[in-house]
Protein backbone atom coordinates (compact mmCIF):
# COMPACT_ATOMS: atom_id res chain seq x y z
CA MET A 1 12.06 -117.09 179.10
CA ASN A 2 8.82 -117.91 180.85
CA GLU A 3 6.79 -115.20 179.28
CA VAL A 4 7.45 -113.62 175.90
CA VAL A 5 5.99 -110.65 174.11
CA ARG A 6 6.30 -110.12 170.34
CA ILE A 7 7.66 -106.80 169.19
CA GLU A 8 8.36 -105.39 165.78
CA ILE A 9 11.81 -104.15 164.91
CA PRO A 10 12.65 -102.68 161.46
CA VAL A 11 15.50 -104.60 159.79
CA ALA A 12 16.97 -104.95 156.31
CA PRO A 13 15.28 -107.49 154.02
CA ALA A 14 18.24 -109.89 154.21
CA THR A 15 18.03 -109.79 157.99
CA ALA A 16 14.32 -110.49 157.93
CA GLU A 17 14.95 -113.44 155.66
CA ALA A 18 17.58 -114.82 158.02
CA LEU A 19 15.21 -114.39 160.96
CA ALA A 20 12.52 -116.49 159.27
CA ASP A 21 14.23 -119.48 160.95
CA ASP A 22 12.54 -120.14 164.32
CA HIS A 23 15.76 -121.21 166.07
CA ARG A 24 17.72 -118.19 164.89
CA ARG A 25 14.89 -115.86 165.86
CA ALA A 26 14.73 -117.33 169.35
CA ALA A 27 18.52 -116.98 169.71
CA VAL A 28 18.27 -113.31 168.74
CA GLY A 29 15.45 -112.83 171.21
CA ARG A 30 17.63 -114.27 174.00
CA LEU A 31 20.52 -112.01 172.98
CA ILE A 32 18.31 -108.94 173.10
CA ASP A 33 16.99 -109.98 176.49
CA ARG A 34 20.55 -110.34 177.83
CA LEU A 35 21.60 -106.99 176.37
CA MET A 36 18.67 -105.12 177.86
CA LEU A 37 18.94 -106.75 181.28
CA ARG A 38 22.48 -105.50 181.76
CA GLY A 39 21.07 -102.04 182.37
CA THR A 40 23.67 -100.30 180.25
CA GLU A 41 22.90 -97.16 178.27
CA ASP A 42 24.34 -98.65 175.11
CA PRO A 43 23.85 -102.44 175.03
CA LEU A 44 25.72 -102.88 171.71
CA ALA A 45 28.80 -101.10 173.05
CA ALA A 46 28.62 -103.31 176.17
CA LEU A 47 28.39 -106.48 174.05
CA LEU A 48 31.35 -105.43 171.90
CA GLU A 49 33.38 -104.59 174.99
CA ALA A 50 32.55 -107.90 176.65
CA THR A 51 33.53 -109.77 173.47
CA SER A 52 36.81 -107.87 173.31
CA ALA A 53 37.49 -108.63 176.95
CA GLN A 54 36.87 -112.35 176.37
CA ALA A 55 39.26 -112.35 173.40
CA ARG A 56 41.93 -110.62 175.48
CA ASP A 57 41.37 -113.13 178.29
CA ALA A 58 41.94 -115.86 175.75
CA GLY A 59 45.34 -114.35 174.97
CA LEU A 60 44.60 -112.25 171.90
CA THR A 61 46.07 -108.82 171.58
CA ASP A 62 44.06 -105.80 170.43
CA GLU A 63 46.13 -105.87 167.19
CA GLU A 64 45.18 -109.52 166.57
CA ILE A 65 41.52 -108.74 167.24
CA ASP A 66 41.66 -105.78 164.77
CA GLU A 67 43.35 -108.04 162.17
CA GLU A 68 40.70 -110.71 162.59
CA LEU A 69 37.89 -108.16 162.23
CA ALA A 70 39.55 -106.71 159.10
CA ALA A 71 39.81 -110.20 157.55
CA TYR A 72 36.17 -110.92 158.43
CA ASN A 73 35.03 -107.65 156.89
CA ALA A 74 37.09 -108.25 153.75
CA GLU A 75 35.46 -111.73 153.31
CA ARG A 76 32.01 -110.20 153.59
CA ARG A 77 32.77 -107.62 150.88
CA THR A 78 33.61 -110.29 148.27
């Protein structure tokens, strides 16, 4: 990024705390740039689809992806 502009985005307090780290905040900024440059109407849906496609390309089935997501979500709840 040659030129950057600061914007304000409302987030949960825990997210704001995590984004206090300069490196993490810069990484999130790059992610947002990539999402918005794709020109899609729903950048989050496009990111999720691209991630799923990469997992399938790596040999994972949709069932394995769903199981992995369920395990991840279960870990976060504890």
